[in-house]
Amino acid sequence: MERNSMIRSFLLGSGKSRGTDPSRVGLLPLMLPMLLEHILYSTVNLLDVLFISHISDHAVNSVSVPGQ
């Protein structure tokens, strides 16, 4: 039971002091915006490569290198 409580407070933060103490924010609320940003960035890069691939291979190289 104690282990589950520790894991929950690590992922979600402690509920009571979360609003007053920013250092008590858990890992999950910090991770979600970064994960969403990474997924959106990767999706846009993939779409750029797909659209440009209809032009030429050299154009794909010029678009995909900065996207890495």
N, C-alpha and C. Protein backbone atom coordinates (compact mmCIF):
# COMPACT_ATOMS: atom_id res chain seq x y z
N MET A 1 0.82 -1.19 0.00
CA MET A 1 0.00 0.00 0.00
C MET A 1 0.87 1.25 0.00
N GLU A 2 1.93 1.24 0.77
CA GLU A 2 2.83 2.39 0.85
C GLU A 2 3.53 2.62 -0.49
N ARG A 3 3.87 1.54 -1.18
CA ARG A 3 4.55 1.66 -2.47
C ARG A 3 3.62 2.29 -3.50
N ASN A 4 2.36 1.89 -3.53
CA ASN A 4 1.41 2.48 -4.46
C ASN A 4 1.22 3.97 -4.19
N SER A 5 1.23 4.35 -2.93
CA SER A 5 1.09 5.75 -2.57
C SER A 5 2.30 6.55 -3.02
N MET A 6 3.49 5.97 -2.90
CA MET A 6 4.71 6.64 -3.33
C MET A 6 4.72 6.82 -4.84
N ILE A 7 4.31 5.78 -5.57
CA ILE A 7 4.28 5.86 -7.03
C ILE A 7 3.25 6.89 -7.48
N ARG A 8 2.08 6.89 -6.86
CA ARG A 8 1.04 7.85 -7.21
C ARG A 8 1.49 9.29 -6.94
N SER A 9 2.15 9.53 -5.82
CA SER A 9 2.61 10.90 -5.52
C SER A 9 3.75 11.30 -6.45
N PHE A 10 4.55 10.33 -6.91
CA PHE A 10 5.63 10.63 -7.86
C PHE A 10 5.06 11.03 -9.21
N LEU A 11 4.04 10.30 -9.67
CA LEU A 11 3.48 10.59 -10.99
C LEU A 11 2.54 11.78 -10.98
N LEU A 12 1.69 11.88 -9.99
CA LEU A 12 0.67 12.93 -9.99
C LEU A 12 0.97 14.08 -9.04
N GLY A 13 1.88 13.91 -8.13
CA GLY A 13 2.17 14.94 -7.13
C GLY A 13 1.25 14.78 -5.94
N SER A 14 1.57 15.50 -4.90
CA SER A 14 0.71 15.42 -3.72
C SER A 14 -0.46 16.38 -3.91
N GLY A 15 -1.64 15.90 -3.68
CA GLY A 15 -2.85 16.64 -4.00
C GLY A 15 -3.07 17.89 -3.18
N LYS A 16 -2.79 17.85 -1.88
CA LYS A 16 -3.12 18.98 -1.02
C LYS A 16 -2.20 20.18 -1.24
N SER A 17 -0.91 19.92 -1.36
CA SER A 17 0.03 21.04 -1.45
C SER A 17 0.39 21.38 -2.89
N ARG A 18 -0.21 20.72 -3.87
CA ARG A 18 0.12 20.97 -5.26
C ARG A 18 -0.21 22.39 -5.69
N GLY A 19 -1.33 22.93 -5.21
CA GLY A 19 -1.73 24.27 -5.60
C GLY A 19 -0.88 25.36 -4.99
N THR A 20 -0.31 25.12 -3.82
CA THR A 20 0.47 26.16 -3.14
C THR A 20 1.96 26.03 -3.36
N ASP A 21 2.46 24.82 -3.58
CA ASP A 21 3.90 24.60 -3.72
C ASP A 21 4.18 24.02 -5.10
N PRO A 22 4.77 24.80 -6.01
CA PRO A 22 5.01 24.29 -7.37
C PRO A 22 6.01 23.14 -7.43
N SER A 23 6.83 22.97 -6.40
CA SER A 23 7.79 21.87 -6.42
C SER A 23 7.12 20.52 -6.15
N ARG A 24 5.86 20.51 -5.78
CA ARG A 24 5.13 19.28 -5.50
C ARG A 24 4.37 18.74 -6.71
N VAL A 25 4.60 19.33 -7.87
CA VAL A 25 3.93 18.86 -9.08
C VAL A 25 4.56 17.53 -9.47
N GLY A 26 3.74 16.58 -9.86
CA GLY A 26 4.23 15.26 -10.22
C GLY A 26 4.83 15.22 -11.61
N LEU A 27 5.28 14.05 -12.00
CA LEU A 27 5.94 13.84 -13.28
C LEU A 27 4.95 13.88 -14.44
N LEU A 28 3.78 13.32 -14.27
CA LEU A 28 2.80 13.24 -15.36
C LEU A 28 2.33 14.60 -15.84
N PRO A 29 1.97 15.54 -14.97
CA PRO A 29 1.57 16.86 -15.47
C PRO A 29 2.70 17.60 -16.20
N LEU A 30 3.95 17.32 -15.86
CA LEU A 30 5.07 17.94 -16.56
C LEU A 30 5.36 17.24 -17.88
N MET A 31 5.08 15.96 -17.95
CA MET A 31 5.42 15.18 -19.13
C MET A 31 4.41 15.37 -20.26
N LEU A 32 3.15 15.55 -19.95
CA LEU A 32 2.11 15.61 -20.99
C LEU A 32 2.31 16.74 -21.99
N PRO A 33 2.60 17.97 -21.59
CA PRO A 33 2.82 19.01 -22.60
C PRO A 33 4.03 18.74 -23.49
N MET A 34 5.09 18.20 -22.91
CA MET A 34 6.28 17.89 -23.71
C MET A 34 5.99 16.76 -24.70
N LEU A 35 5.25 15.77 -24.26
CA LEU A 35 4.89 14.66 -25.14
C LEU A 35 4.00 15.14 -26.29
N LEU A 36 3.03 15.97 -25.98
CA LEU A 36 2.15 16.51 -27.01
C LEU A 36 2.94 17.36 -28.01
N GLU A 37 3.86 18.18 -27.53
CA GLU A 37 4.67 18.99 -28.42
C GLU A 37 5.53 18.12 -29.34
N HIS A 38 6.11 17.07 -28.79
CA HIS A 38 6.94 16.18 -29.59
C HIS A 38 6.11 15.46 -30.66
N ILE A 39 4.93 15.00 -30.30
CA ILE A 39 4.07 14.31 -31.26
C ILE A 39 3.64 15.27 -32.38
N LEU A 40 3.28 16.50 -32.04
CA LEU A 40 2.89 17.47 -33.05
C LEU A 40 4.05 17.84 -33.96
N TYR A 41 5.24 18.03 -33.39
CA TYR A 41 6.42 18.36 -34.19
C TYR A 41 6.75 17.22 -35.15
N SER A 42 6.69 16.00 -34.68
CA SER A 42 6.99 14.85 -35.53
C SER A 42 5.95 14.70 -36.64
N THR A 43 4.69 14.96 -36.32
CA THR A 43 3.64 14.86 -37.32
C THR A 43 3.80 15.91 -38.41
N VAL A 44 4.12 17.13 -38.01
CA VAL A 44 4.33 18.19 -39.00
C VAL A 44 5.53 17.87 -39.88
N ASN A 45 6.60 17.37 -39.29
CA ASN A 45 7.78 17.01 -40.06
C ASN A 45 7.46 15.88 -41.03
N LEU A 46 6.69 14.90 -40.62
CA LEU A 46 6.30 13.80 -41.49
C LEU A 46 5.46 14.30 -42.66
N LEU A 47 4.52 15.19 -42.37
CA LEU A 47 3.68 15.74 -43.44
C LEU A 47 4.50 16.58 -44.41
N ASP A 48 5.48 17.33 -43.91
CA ASP A 48 6.37 18.09 -44.79
C ASP A 48 7.09 17.16 -45.76
N VAL A 49 7.62 16.08 -45.24
CA VAL A 49 8.35 15.14 -46.09
C VAL A 49 7.41 14.49 -47.09
N LEU A 50 6.20 14.13 -46.67
CA LEU A 50 5.26 13.50 -47.60
C LEU A 50 4.85 14.44 -48.73
N PHE A 51 4.59 15.70 -48.41
CA PHE A 51 4.19 16.65 -49.44
C PHE A 51 5.35 16.96 -50.39
N ILE A 52 6.54 17.14 -49.83
CA ILE A 52 7.69 17.49 -50.66
C ILE A 52 8.18 16.29 -51.47
N SER A 53 7.87 15.08 -51.04
CA SER A 53 8.34 13.90 -51.78
C SER A 53 7.73 13.81 -53.16
N HIS A 54 6.65 14.53 -53.40
CA HIS A 54 6.07 14.53 -54.74
C HIS A 54 6.86 15.41 -55.70
N ILE A 55 7.75 16.25 -55.17
CA ILE A 55 8.55 17.14 -56.02
C ILE A 55 9.83 16.43 -56.47
N SER A 56 10.72 16.12 -55.52
CA SER A 56 11.96 15.43 -55.89
C SER A 56 12.66 14.91 -54.63
N ASP A 57 13.64 14.04 -54.86
CA ASP A 57 14.41 13.49 -53.75
C ASP A 57 15.30 14.55 -53.11
N HIS A 58 15.82 15.46 -53.91
CA HIS A 58 16.68 16.51 -53.36
C HIS A 58 15.88 17.45 -52.45
N ALA A 59 14.65 17.68 -52.81
CA ALA A 59 13.80 18.53 -51.96
C ALA A 59 13.51 17.85 -50.63
N VAL A 60 13.32 16.53 -50.65
CA VAL A 60 13.08 15.79 -49.40
C VAL A 60 14.30 15.88 -48.50
N ASN A 61 15.49 15.77 -49.09
CA ASN A 61 16.71 15.89 -48.28
C ASN A 61 16.82 17.26 -47.62
N SER A 62 16.42 18.29 -48.34
CA SER A 62 16.54 19.63 -47.77
C SER A 62 15.51 19.87 -46.68
N VAL A 63 14.39 19.18 -46.72
CA VAL A 63 13.37 19.35 -45.68
C VAL A 63 13.60 18.44 -44.49
N SER A 64 14.04 17.21 -44.73
CA SER A 64 14.14 16.24 -43.64
C SER A 64 15.37 16.46 -42.76
N VAL A 65 16.44 17.05 -43.26
CA VAL A 65 17.64 17.25 -42.44
C VAL A 65 17.37 18.24 -41.31
N PRO A 66 16.76 19.42 -41.55
CA PRO A 66 16.49 20.31 -40.42
C PRO A 66 15.46 19.73 -39.44
N GLY A 67 14.63 18.80 -39.88
CA GLY A 67 13.62 18.21 -39.02
C GLY A 67 14.15 17.20 -38.04
N GLN A 68 15.41 16.85 -38.18
CA GLN A 68 16.00 15.87 -37.26
C GLN A 68 16.41 16.59 -36.04
